[in-house]
Amino acid sequence: MLVYCNNIVLADKVRIANNFFSRFVGLMGRKKLDSGEGLFLLGTPSIHCFFMKITIDAIYLSKDMKVLGVETLRPWRMGKYMKKTAHVLELKEGTALNVRVGDRIVLEICS
């Protein structure tokens, strides 16, 4: 899956986590994220980085994919809780530097 923001590709190798197990496991066990990799957590209002080994950028999204917040999370930290968060996009640290609250994220499924 491709992920865009402001007509710029943020990531081109994003997996979708759309059930309890895939959201729970998330990026645990990963030793690194390569450029372009990420995880889109569908239907997730909050995240944590317990048991993770890597630092990530987290983008909190509304149902209509509007950016509600962006933060960098280190291992063993809890993410922000924002009332209207419907989904969370986890990306390699430093990927979301130019993403701002109010921007829209666009997802494109690759065949």
PDB file of N, CA and C in Angstrom:
ATOM      1  N   MET A   1       0.849  -1.171   0.000  1.00  0.00           N
ATOM      2  CA  MET A   1       0.000   0.000   0.000  1.00  0.00           C
ATOM      3  C   MET A   1       0.897   1.238   0.000  1.00  0.00           C
ATOM      4  N   LEU A   2       0.536   2.210  -0.787  1.00  0.00           N
ATOM      5  CA  LEU A   2       1.218   3.509  -0.826  1.00  0.00           C
ATOM      6  C   LEU A   2       0.503   4.483   0.094  1.00  0.00           C
ATOM      7  N   VAL A   3       1.264   5.347   0.739  1.00  0.00           N
ATOM      8  CA  VAL A   3       0.706   6.361   1.618  1.00  0.00           C
ATOM      9  C   VAL A   3       1.244   7.722   1.198  1.00  0.00           C
ATOM     10  N   TYR A   4       0.314   8.645   0.917  1.00  0.00           N
ATOM     11  CA  TYR A   4       0.659  10.003   0.496  1.00  0.00           C
ATOM     12  C   TYR A   4       0.193  11.031   1.524  1.00  0.00           C
ATOM     13  N   CYS A   5       0.889  12.147   1.553  1.00  0.00           N
ATOM     14  CA  CYS A   5       0.443  13.327   2.299  1.00  0.00           C
ATOM     15  C   CYS A   5       0.938  14.528   1.521  1.00  0.00           C
ATOM     16  N   ASN A   6       0.034  15.430   1.177  1.00  0.00           N
ATOM     17  CA  ASN A   6       0.391  16.614   0.393  1.00  0.00           C
ATOM     18  C   ASN A   6       1.088  16.240  -0.914  1.00  0.00           C
ATOM     19  N   ASN A   7       0.575  15.196  -1.575  1.00  0.00           N
ATOM     20  CA  ASN A   7       1.103  14.703  -2.853  1.00  0.00           C
ATOM     21  C   ASN A   7       2.542  14.191  -2.779  1.00  0.00           C
ATOM     22  N   ILE A   8       3.001  13.867  -1.590  1.00  0.00           N
ATOM     23  CA  ILE A   8       4.342  13.306  -1.390  1.00  0.00           C
ATOM     24  C   ILE A   8       4.180  11.899  -0.837  1.00  0.00           C
ATOM     25  N   VAL A   9       4.906  10.939  -1.391  1.00  0.00           N
ATOM     26  CA  VAL A   9       4.847   9.565  -0.888  1.00  0.00           C
ATOM     27  C   VAL A   9       5.601   9.490   0.439  1.00  0.00           C
ATOM     28  N   LEU A  10       4.876   9.091   1.480  1.00  0.00           N
ATOM     29  CA  LEU A  10       5.508   8.891   2.787  1.00  0.00           C
ATOM     30  C   LEU A  10       6.080   7.481   2.890  1.00  0.00           C
ATOM     31  N   ALA A  11       5.342   6.517   2.341  1.00  0.00           N
ATOM     32  CA  ALA A  11       5.761   5.121   2.422  1.00  0.00           C
ATOM     33  C   ALA A  11       5.135   4.334   1.284  1.00  0.00           C
ATOM     34  N   ASP A  12       5.859   3.321   0.834  1.00  0.00           N
ATOM     35  CA  ASP A  12       5.349   2.510  -0.279  1.00  0.00           C
ATOM     36  C   ASP A  12       5.259   1.024   0.044  1.00  0.00           C
ATOM     37  N   LYS A  13       5.578   0.676   1.279  1.00  0.00           N
ATOM     38  CA  LYS A  13       5.497  -0.723   1.720  1.00  0.00           C
ATOM     39  C   LYS A  13       4.783  -0.774   3.075  1.00  0.00           C
ATOM     40  N   VAL A  14       3.512  -0.401   3.066  1.00  0.00           N
ATOM     41  CA  VAL A  14       2.745  -0.326   4.309  1.00  0.00           C
ATOM     42  C   VAL A  14       1.800  -1.530   4.402  1.00  0.00           C
ATOM     43  N   ARG A  15       1.879  -2.227   5.513  1.00  0.00           N
ATOM     44  CA  ARG A  15       0.969  -3.336   5.783  1.00  0.00           C
ATOM     45  C   ARG A  15      -0.257  -2.801   6.520  1.00  0.00           C
ATOM     46  N   ILE A  16      -1.365  -3.502   6.382  1.00  0.00           N
ATOM     47  CA  ILE A  16      -2.599  -3.142   7.085  1.00  0.00           C
ATOM     48  C   ILE A  16      -2.802  -4.114   8.231  1.00  0.00           C
ATOM     49  N   ALA A  17      -3.060  -3.572   9.411  1.00  0.00           N
ATOM     50  CA  ALA A  17      -3.427  -4.372  10.579  1.00  0.00           C
ATOM     51  C   ALA A  17      -4.903  -4.087  10.842  1.00  0.00           C
ATOM     52  N   ASN A  18      -5.758  -5.070  10.514  1.00  0.00           N
ATOM     53  CA  ASN A  18      -7.197  -4.819  10.581  1.00  0.00           C
ATOM     54  C   ASN A  18      -7.955  -5.791  11.481  1.00  0.00           C
ATOM     55  N   ASN A  19      -7.227  -6.560  12.298  1.00  0.00           N
ATOM     56  CA  ASN A  19      -7.897  -7.419  13.272  1.00  0.00           C
ATOM     57  C   ASN A  19      -7.137  -7.351  14.585  1.00  0.00           C
ATOM     58  N   PHE A  20      -7.724  -7.919  15.631  1.00  0.00           N
ATOM     59  CA  PHE A  20      -7.132  -7.803  16.965  1.00  0.00           C
ATOM     60  C   PHE A  20      -5.693  -8.302  16.981  1.00  0.00           C
ATOM     61  N   PHE A  21      -5.451  -9.475  16.439  1.00  0.00           N
ATOM     62  CA  PHE A  21      -4.119 -10.065  16.504  1.00  0.00           C
ATOM     63  C   PHE A  21      -3.082  -9.230  15.753  1.00  0.00           C
ATOM     64  N   SER A  22      -3.401  -8.827  14.522  1.00  0.00           N
ATOM     65  CA  SER A  22      -2.425  -8.054  13.739  1.00  0.00           C
ATOM     66  C   SER A  22      -2.168  -6.680  14.358  1.00  0.00           C
ATOM     67  N   ARG A  23      -3.186  -6.092  14.989  1.00  0.00           N
ATOM     68  CA  ARG A  23      -2.977  -4.811  15.677  1.00  0.00           C
ATOM     69  C   ARG A  23      -2.167  -5.015  16.951  1.00  0.00           C
ATOM     70  N   PHE A  24      -2.438  -6.100  17.682  1.00  0.00           N
ATOM     71  CA  PHE A  24      -1.722  -6.372  18.928  1.00  0.00           C
ATOM     72  C   PHE A  24      -0.240  -6.603  18.661  1.00  0.00           C
ATOM     73  N   VAL A  25       0.077  -7.427  17.680  1.00  0.00           N
ATOM     74  CA  VAL A  25       1.477  -7.730  17.363  1.00  0.00           C
ATOM     75  C   VAL A  25       2.158  -6.511  16.763  1.00  0.00           C
ATOM     76  N   GLY A  26       1.473  -5.822  15.857  1.00  0.00           N
ATOM     77  CA  GLY A  26       2.008  -4.588  15.283  1.00  0.00           C
ATOM     78  C   GLY A  26       3.430  -4.741  14.786  1.00  0.00           C
ATOM     79  N   LEU A  27       4.328  -3.909  15.300  1.00  0.00           N
ATOM     80  CA  LEU A  27       5.734  -3.929  14.888  1.00  0.00           C
ATOM     81  C   LEU A  27       6.638  -4.576  15.933  1.00  0.00           C
ATOM     82  N   MET A  28       6.035  -5.250  16.928  1.00  0.00           N
ATOM     83  CA  MET A  28       6.840  -5.930  17.945  1.00  0.00           C
ATOM     84  C   MET A  28       7.771  -6.933  17.275  1.00  0.00           C
ATOM     85  N   GLY A  29       8.967  -7.004  17.766  1.00  0.00           N
ATOM     86  CA  GLY A  29       9.934  -7.956  17.245  1.00  0.00           C
ATOM     87  C   GLY A  29      10.770  -7.432  16.094  1.00  0.00           C
ATOM     88  N   ARG A  30      10.337  -6.346  15.483  1.00  0.00           N
ATOM     89  CA  ARG A  30      11.117  -5.770  14.377  1.00  0.00           C
ATOM     90  C   ARG A  30      12.367  -5.103  14.949  1.00  0.00           C
ATOM     91  N   LYS A  31      13.492  -5.342  14.312  1.00  0.00           N
ATOM     92  CA  LYS A  31      14.749  -4.721  14.738  1.00  0.00           C
ATOM     93  C   LYS A  31      14.986  -3.401  14.040  1.00  0.00           C
ATOM     94  N   LYS A  32      14.278  -3.202  12.895  1.00  0.00           N
ATOM     95  CA  LYS A  32      14.380  -1.932  12.173  1.00  0.00           C
ATOM     96  C   LYS A  32      13.223  -1.835  11.193  1.00  0.00           C
ATOM     97  N   LEU A  33      12.958  -0.619  10.755  1.00  0.00           N
ATOM     98  CA  LEU A  33      12.041  -0.363   9.651  1.00  0.00           C
ATOM     99  C   LEU A  33      12.864   0.251   8.542  1.00  0.00           C
ATOM    100  N   ASP A  34      12.750  -0.291   7.360  1.00  0.00           N
ATOM    101  CA  ASP A  34      13.440   0.290   6.214  1.00  0.00           C
ATOM    102  C   ASP A  34      12.659   1.501   5.715  1.00  0.00           C
ATOM    103  N   SER A  35      13.299   2.347   4.938  1.00  0.00           N
ATOM    104  CA  SER A  35      12.609   3.484   4.333  1.00  0.00           C
ATOM    105  C   SER A  35      11.429   2.966   3.531  1.00  0.00           C
ATOM    106  N   GLY A  36      10.288   3.612   3.693  1.00  0.00           N
ATOM    107  CA  GLY A  36       9.098   3.229   2.951  1.00  0.00           C
ATOM    108  C   GLY A  36       8.228   2.202   3.643  1.00  0.00           C
ATOM    109  N   GLU A  37       8.706   1.613   4.737  1.00  0.00           N
ATOM    110  CA  GLU A  37       7.910   0.617   5.454  1.00  0.00           C
ATOM    111  C   GLU A  37       7.038   1.276   6.512  1.00  0.00           C
ATOM    112  N   GLY A  38       5.913   0.633   6.813  1.00  0.00           N
ATOM    113  CA  GLY A  38       5.047   1.126   7.856  1.00  0.00           C
ATOM    114  C   GLY A  38       3.913   0.168   8.131  1.00  0.00           C
ATOM    115  N   LEU A  39       3.074   0.551   9.082  1.00  0.00           N
ATOM    116  CA  LEU A  39       1.918  -0.247   9.475  1.00  0.00           C
ATOM    117  C   LEU A  39       0.731   0.688   9.664  1.00  0.00           C
ATOM    118  N   PHE A  40      -0.380   0.359   9.001  1.00  0.00           N
ATOM    119  CA  PHE A  40      -1.613   1.125   9.131  1.00  0.00           C
ATOM    120  C   PHE A  40      -2.545   0.337  10.034  1.00  0.00           C
ATOM    121  N   LEU A  41      -2.800   0.879  11.222  1.00  0.00           N
ATOM    122  CA  LEU A  41      -3.653   0.225  12.208  1.00  0.00           C
ATOM    123  C   LEU A  41      -5.076   0.733  12.033  1.00  0.00           C
ATOM    124  N   LEU A  42      -5.896  -0.085  11.428  1.00  0.00           N
ATOM    125  CA  LEU A  42      -7.282   0.250  11.115  1.00  0.00           C
ATOM    126  C   LEU A  42      -8.146   0.066  12.357  1.00  0.00           C
ATOM    127  N   GLY A  43      -8.910   1.097  12.699  1.00  0.00           N
ATOM    128  CA  GLY A  43      -9.817   1.012  13.844  1.00  0.00           C
ATOM    129  C   GLY A  43      -9.101   0.979  15.182  1.00  0.00           C
ATOM    130  N   THR A  44      -8.051   1.777  15.317  1.00  0.00           N
ATOM    131  CA  THR A  44      -7.242   1.810  16.537  1.00  0.00           C
ATOM    132  C   THR A  44      -7.179   3.229  17.087  1.00  0.00           C
ATOM    133  N   PRO A  45      -7.758   3.481  18.264  1.00  0.00           N
ATOM    134  CA  PRO A  45      -7.743   4.834  18.811  1.00  0.00           C
ATOM    135  C   PRO A  45      -6.456   5.216  19.539  1.00  0.00           C
ATOM    136  N   SER A  46      -5.633   4.220  19.923  1.00  0.00           N
ATOM    137  CA  SER A  46      -4.397   4.524  20.646  1.00  0.00           C
ATOM    138  C   SER A  46      -3.393   3.398  20.421  1.00  0.00           C
ATOM    139  N   ILE A  47      -2.134   3.680  20.721  1.00  0.00           N
ATOM    140  CA  ILE A  47      -1.073   2.688  20.534  1.00  0.00           C
ATOM    141  C   ILE A  47      -0.111   2.718  21.708  1.00  0.00           C
ATOM    142  N   HIS A  48       0.724   1.688  21.747  1.00  0.00           N
ATOM    143  CA  HIS A  48       1.836   1.649  22.703  1.00  0.00           C
ATOM    144  C   HIS A  48       3.035   1.034  21.998  1.00  0.00           C
ATOM    145  N   CYS A  49       4.197   1.231  22.575  1.00  0.00           N
ATOM    146  CA  CYS A  49       5.421   0.662  22.012  1.00  0.00           C
ATOM    147  C   CYS A  49       6.071  -0.322  22.978  1.00  0.00           C
ATOM    148  N   PHE A  50       5.254  -0.952  23.830  1.00  0.00           N
ATOM    149  CA  PHE A  50       5.774  -1.958  24.740  1.00  0.00           C
ATOM    150  C   PHE A  50       6.322  -3.130  23.937  1.00  0.00           C
ATOM    151  N   PHE A  51       7.435  -3.674  24.387  1.00  0.00           N
ATOM    152  CA  PHE A  51       8.087  -4.820  23.751  1.00  0.00           C
ATOM    153  C   PHE A  51       8.661  -4.504  22.365  1.00  0.00           C
ATOM    154  N   MET A  52       8.693  -3.238  21.993  1.00  0.00           N
ATOM    155  CA  MET A  52       9.268  -2.863  20.697  1.00  0.00           C
ATOM    156  C   MET A  52      10.737  -2.494  20.864  1.00  0.00           C
ATOM    157  N   LYS A  53      11.477  -2.630  19.779  1.00  0.00           N
ATOM    158  CA  LYS A  53      12.915  -2.349  19.782  1.00  0.00           C
ATOM    159  C   LYS A  53      13.274  -1.110  18.977  1.00  0.00           C
ATOM    160  N   ILE A  54      12.273  -0.522  18.317  1.00  0.00           N
ATOM    161  CA  ILE A  54      12.547   0.596  17.414  1.00  0.00           C
ATOM    162  C   ILE A  54      11.712   1.821  17.786  1.00  0.00           C
ATOM    163  N   THR A  55      12.216   2.976  17.411  1.00  0.00           N
ATOM    164  CA  THR A  55      11.488   4.235  17.554  1.00  0.00           C
ATOM    165  C   THR A  55      10.700   4.460  16.268  1.00  0.00           C
ATOM    166  N   ILE A  56       9.465   4.932  16.403  1.00  0.00           N
ATOM    167  CA  ILE A  56       8.598   5.134  15.234  1.00  0.00           C
ATOM    168  C   ILE A  56       7.990   6.530  15.242  1.00  0.00           C
ATOM    169  N   ASP A  57       7.527   6.949  14.081  1.00  0.00           N
ATOM    170  CA  ASP A  57       6.652   8.113  13.983  1.00  0.00           C
ATOM    171  C   ASP A  57       5.227   7.577  13.948  1.00  0.00           C
ATOM    172  N   ALA A  58       4.361   8.171  14.739  1.00  0.00           N
ATOM    173  CA  ALA A  58       2.946   7.777  14.771  1.00  0.00           C
ATOM    174  C   ALA A  58       2.106   8.956  14.283  1.00  0.00           C
ATOM    175  N   ILE A  59       1.225   8.665  13.329  1.00  0.00           N
ATOM    176  CA  ILE A  59       0.303   9.673  12.806  1.00  0.00           C
ATOM    177  C   ILE A  59      -1.102   9.231  13.184  1.00  0.00           C
ATOM    178  N   TYR A  60      -1.784  10.050  13.967  1.00  0.00           N
ATOM    179  CA  TYR A  60      -3.134   9.751  14.443  1.00  0.00           C
ATOM    180  C   TYR A  60      -4.140  10.355  13.468  1.00  0.00           C
ATOM    181  N   LEU A  61      -5.088   9.517  13.020  1.00  0.00           N
ATOM    182  CA  LEU A  61      -6.001   9.903  11.947  1.00  0.00           C
ATOM    183  C   LEU A  61      -7.465   9.790  12.351  1.00  0.00           C
ATOM    184  N   SER A  62      -8.284  10.695  11.806  1.00  0.00           N
ATOM    185  CA  SER A  62      -9.732  10.621  11.983  1.00  0.00           C
ATOM    186  C   SER A  62     -10.296   9.604  10.993  1.00  0.00           C
ATOM    187  N   LYS A  63     -11.601   9.360  11.071  1.00  0.00           N
ATOM    188  CA  LYS A  63     -12.252   8.428  10.141  1.00  0.00           C
ATOM    189  C   LYS A  63     -12.063   8.847   8.690  1.00  0.00           C
ATOM    190  N   ASP A  64     -12.035  10.158   8.446  1.00  0.00           N
ATOM    191  CA  ASP A  64     -11.873  10.646   7.072  1.00  0.00           C
ATOM    192  C   ASP A  64     -10.407  10.939   6.716  1.00  0.00           C
ATOM    193  N   MET A  65      -9.481  10.343   7.487  1.00  0.00           N
ATOM    194  CA  MET A  65      -8.037  10.381   7.218  1.00  0.00           C
ATOM    195  C   MET A  65      -7.393  11.755   7.412  1.00  0.00           C
ATOM    196  N   LYS A  66      -8.014  12.589   8.219  1.00  0.00           N
ATOM    197  CA  LYS A  66      -7.430  13.885   8.571  1.00  0.00           C
ATOM    198  C   LYS A  66      -6.449  13.666   9.724  1.00  0.00           C
ATOM    199  N   VAL A  67      -5.284  14.290   9.636  1.00  0.00           N
ATOM    200  CA  VAL A  67      -4.262  14.147  10.671  1.00  0.00           C
ATOM    201  C   VAL A  67      -4.694  14.904  11.931  1.00  0.00           C
ATOM    202  N   LEU A  68      -4.780  14.162  13.036  1.00  0.00           N
ATOM    203  CA  LEU A  68      -5.150  14.747  14.327  1.00  0.00           C
ATOM    204  C   LEU A  68      -3.924  15.030  15.190  1.00  0.00           C
ATOM    205  N   GLY A  69      -2.862  14.286  14.946  1.00  0.00           N
ATOM    206  CA  GLY A  69      -1.647  14.460  15.730  1.00  0.00           C
ATOM    207  C   GLY A  69      -0.522  13.626  15.160  1.00  0.00           C
ATOM    208  N   VAL A  70       0.710  14.041  15.474  1.00  0.00           N
ATOM    209  CA  VAL A  70       1.908  13.339  15.027  1.00  0.00           C
ATOM    210  C   VAL A  70       2.883  13.335  16.197  1.00  0.00           C
ATOM    211  N   GLU A  71       3.509  12.189  16.430  1.00  0.00           N
ATOM    212  CA  GLU A  71       4.538  12.138  17.467  1.00  0.00           C
ATOM    213  C   GLU A  71       5.547  11.047  17.163  1.00  0.00           C
ATOM    214  N   THR A  72       6.715  11.184  17.744  1.00  0.00           N
ATOM    215  CA  THR A  72       7.748  10.162  17.659  1.00  0.00           C
ATOM    216  C   THR A  72       7.731   9.411  18.981  1.00  0.00           C
ATOM    217  N   LEU A  73       7.647   8.082  18.889  1.00  0.00           N
ATOM    218  CA  LEU A  73       7.554   7.238  20.080  1.00  0.00           C
ATOM    219  C   LEU A  73       8.748   6.299  20.177  1.00  0.00           C
ATOM    220  N   ARG A  74       9.381   6.278  21.337  1.00  0.00           N
ATOM    221  CA  ARG A  74      10.471   5.347  21.616  1.00  0.00           C
ATOM    222  C   ARG A  74       9.896   4.053  22.201  1.00  0.00           C
ATOM    223  N   PRO A  75      10.682   2.997  22.194  1.00  0.00           N
ATOM    224  CA  PRO A  75      10.225   1.753  22.812  1.00  0.00           C
ATOM    225  C   PRO A  75       9.790   1.971  24.265  1.00  0.00           C
ATOM    226  N   TRP A  76       8.793   1.208  24.670  1.00  0.00           N
ATOM    227  CA  TRP A  76       8.243   1.201  26.027  1.00  0.00           C
ATOM    228  C   TRP A  76       7.510   2.485  26.395  1.00  0.00           C
ATOM    229  N   ARG A  77       6.984   3.182  25.419  1.00  0.00           N
ATOM    230  CA  ARG A  77       6.204   4.399  25.661  1.00  0.00           C
ATOM    231  C   ARG A  77       4.761   4.195  25.227  1.00  0.00           C
ATOM    232  N   MET A  78       3.866   4.972  25.805  1.00  0.00           N
ATOM    233  CA  MET A  78       2.459   4.996  25.400  1.00  0.00           C
ATOM    234  C   MET A  78       2.273   6.159  24.439  1.00  0.00           C
ATOM    235  N   GLY A  79       1.450   5.941  23.425  1.00  0.00           N
ATOM    236  CA  GLY A  79       1.133   7.006  22.492  1.00  0.00           C
ATOM    237  C   GLY A  79       0.073   7.926  23.066  1.00  0.00           C
ATOM    238  N   LYS A  80      -0.131   9.050  22.395  1.00  0.00           N
ATOM    239  CA  LYS A  80      -1.173  10.001  22.791  1.00  0.00           C
ATOM    240  C   LYS A  80      -2.536   9.331  22.688  1.00  0.00           C
ATOM    241  N   TYR A  81      -3.452   9.797  23.494  1.00  0.00           N
ATOM    242  CA  TYR A  81      -4.841   9.395  23.304  1.00  0.00           C
ATOM    243  C   TYR A  81      -5.589  10.639  22.846  1.00  0.00           C
ATOM    244  N   MET A  82      -6.191  10.557  21.675  1.00  0.00           N
ATOM    245  CA  MET A  82      -6.976  11.677  21.159  1.00  0.00           C
ATOM    246  C   MET A  82      -8.379  11.175  20.887  1.00  0.00           C
ATOM    247  N   LYS A  83      -9.317  11.904  21.383  1.00  0.00           N
ATOM    248  CA  LYS A  83     -10.715  11.494  21.379  1.00  0.00           C
ATOM    249  C   LYS A  83     -11.238  11.011  20.025  1.00  0.00           C
ATOM    250  N   LYS A  84     -10.905  11.656  18.948  1.00  0.00           N
ATOM    251  CA  LYS A  84     -11.488  11.324  17.641  1.00  0.00           C
ATOM    252  C   LYS A  84     -10.593  10.434  16.774  1.00  0.00           C
ATOM    253  N   THR A  85      -9.538   9.864  17.342  1.00  0.00           N
ATOM    254  CA  THR A  85      -8.658   9.002  16.561  1.00  0.00           C
ATOM    255  C   THR A  85      -9.383   7.729  16.165  1.00  0.00           C
ATOM    256  N   ALA A  86      -9.335   7.413  14.869  1.00  0.00           N
ATOM    257  CA  ALA A  86      -9.949   6.190  14.345  1.00  0.00           C
ATOM    258  C   ALA A  86      -8.892   5.202  13.847  1.00  0.00           C
ATOM    259  N   HIS A  87      -7.759   5.727  13.384  1.00  0.00           N
ATOM    260  CA  HIS A  87      -6.695   4.896  12.822  1.00  0.00           C
ATOM    261  C   HIS A  87      -5.350   5.503  13.207  1.00  0.00           C
ATOM    262  N   VAL A  88      -4.312   4.670  13.173  1.00  0.00           N
ATOM    263  CA  VAL A  88      -2.954   5.157  13.433  1.00  0.00           C
ATOM    264  C   VAL A  88      -2.032   4.593  12.354  1.00  0.00           C
ATOM    265  N   LEU A  89      -1.188   5.454  11.833  1.00  0.00           N
ATOM    266  CA  LEU A  89      -0.181   5.056  10.858  1.00  0.00           C
ATOM    267  C   LEU A  89       1.173   5.105  11.542  1.00  0.00           C
ATOM    268  N   GLU A  90       1.876   3.969  11.557  1.00  0.00           N
ATOM    269  CA  GLU A  90       3.199   3.892  12.159  1.00  0.00           C
ATOM    270  C   GLU A  90       4.234   3.811  11.044  1.00  0.00           C
ATOM    271  N   LEU A  91       5.219   4.710  11.099  1.00  0.00           N
ATOM    272  CA  LEU A  91       6.237   4.807  10.049  1.00  0.00           C
ATOM    273  C   LEU A  91       7.625   4.861  10.660  1.00  0.00           C
ATOM    274  N   LYS A  92       8.624   4.682   9.826  1.00  0.00           N
ATOM    275  CA  LYS A  92      10.013   4.795  10.261  1.00  0.00           C
ATOM    276  C   LYS A  92      10.243   6.176  10.873  1.00  0.00           C
ATOM    277  N   GLU A  93      11.020   6.212  11.926  1.00  0.00           N
ATOM    278  CA  GLU A  93      11.332   7.484  12.592  1.00  0.00           C
ATOM    279  C   GLU A  93      11.887   8.496  11.590  1.00  0.00           C
ATOM    280  N   GLY A  94      11.339   9.715  11.631  1.00  0.00           N
ATOM    281  CA  GLY A  94      11.782  10.786  10.753  1.00  0.00           C
ATOM    282  C   GLY A  94      10.961  10.930   9.482  1.00  0.00           C
ATOM    283  N   THR A  95      10.088   9.969   9.201  1.00  0.00           N
ATOM    284  CA  THR A  95       9.285  10.000   7.977  1.00  0.00           C
ATOM    285  C   THR A  95       8.207  11.072   8.028  1.00  0.00           C
ATOM    286  N   ALA A  96       7.670  11.347   9.198  1.00  0.00           N
ATOM    287  CA  ALA A  96       6.525  12.256   9.324  1.00  0.00           C
ATOM    288  C   ALA A  96       6.924  13.687   9.686  1.00  0.00           C
ATOM    289  N   LEU A  97       8.154  14.055   9.436  1.00  0.00           N
ATOM    290  CA  LEU A  97       8.632  15.393   9.815  1.00  0.00           C
ATOM    291  C   LEU A  97       7.799  16.525   9.221  1.00  0.00           C
ATOM    292  N   ASN A  98       7.304  16.354   8.007  1.00  0.00           N
ATOM    293  CA  ASN A  98       6.562  17.429   7.341  1.00  0.00           C
ATOM    294  C   ASN A  98       5.051  17.235   7.368  1.00  0.00           C
ATOM    295  N   VAL A  99       4.578  16.267   8.139  1.00  0.00           N
ATOM    296  CA  VAL A  99       3.137  16.026   8.272  1.00  0.00           C
ATOM    297  C   VAL A  99       2.616  16.909   9.405  1.00  0.00           C
ATOM    298  N   ARG A 100       1.540  17.624   9.137  1.00  0.00           N
ATOM    299  CA  ARG A 100       0.976  18.573  10.112  1.00  0.00           C
ATOM    300  C   ARG A 100      -0.474  18.231  10.435  1.00  0.00           C
ATOM    301  N   VAL A 101      -0.899  18.638  11.611  1.00  0.00           N
ATOM    302  CA  VAL A 101      -2.306  18.496  11.996  1.00  0.00           C
ATOM    303  C   VAL A 101      -3.154  19.207  10.951  1.00  0.00           C
ATOM    304  N   GLY A 102      -4.205  18.534  10.508  1.00  0.00           N
ATOM    305  CA  GLY A 102      -5.076  19.092   9.483  1.00  0.00           C
ATOM    306  C   GLY A 102      -4.799  18.562   8.089  1.00  0.00           C
ATOM    307  N   ASP A 103      -3.585  18.029   7.852  1.00  0.00           N
ATOM    308  CA  ASP A 103      -3.285  17.412   6.554  1.00  0.00           C
ATOM    309  C   ASP A 103      -4.171  16.187   6.367  1.00  0.00           C
ATOM    310  N   ARG A 104      -4.273  15.726   5.137  1.00  0.00           N
ATOM    311  CA  ARG A 104      -5.017  14.487   4.841  1.00  0.00           C
ATOM    312  C   ARG A 104      -4.038  13.440   4.321  1.00  0.00           C
ATOM    313  N   ILE A 105      -4.251  12.233   4.792  1.00  0.00           N
ATOM    314  CA  ILE A 105      -3.458  11.092   4.343  1.00  0.00           C
ATOM    315  C   ILE A 105      -4.274  10.355   3.285  1.00  0.00           C
ATOM    316  N   VAL A 106      -3.614   9.967   2.209  1.00  0.00           N
ATOM    317  CA  VAL A 106      -4.253   9.228   1.125  1.00  0.00           C
ATOM    318  C   VAL A 106      -3.583   7.860   1.033  1.00  0.00           C
ATOM    319  N   LEU A 107      -4.404   6.814   1.014  1.00  0.00           N
ATOM    320  CA  LEU A 107      -3.919   5.441   0.883  1.00  0.00           C
ATOM    321  C   LEU A 107      -4.239   4.936  -0.509  1.00  0.00           C
ATOM    322  N   GLU A 108      -3.288   4.235  -1.098  1.00  0.00           N
ATOM    323  CA  GLU A 108      -3.500   3.651  -2.412  1.00  0.00           C
ATOM    324  C   GLU A 108      -3.077   2.193  -2.364  1.00  0.00           C
ATOM    325  N   ILE A 109      -4.035   1.299  -2.626  1.00  0.00           N
ATOM    326  CA  ILE A 109      -3.744  -0.121  -2.610  1.00  0.00           C
ATOM    327  C   ILE A 109      -2.994  -0.483  -3.899  1.00  0.00           C
ATOM    328  N   CYS A 110      -1.868  -1.149  -3.751  1.00  0.00           N
ATOM    329  CA  CYS A 110      -1.087  -1.574  -4.914  1.00  0.00           C
ATOM    330  C   CYS A 110      -1.482  -2.995  -5.269  1.00  0.00           C
ATOM    331  N   SER A 111      -1.537  -3.264  -6.544  1.00  0.00           N
ATOM    332  CA  SER A 111      -1.873  -4.630  -6.970  1.00  0.00           C
ATOM    333  C   SER A 111      -0.630  -5.418  -7.303  1.00  0.00           C
TER     334      SER A 111
END
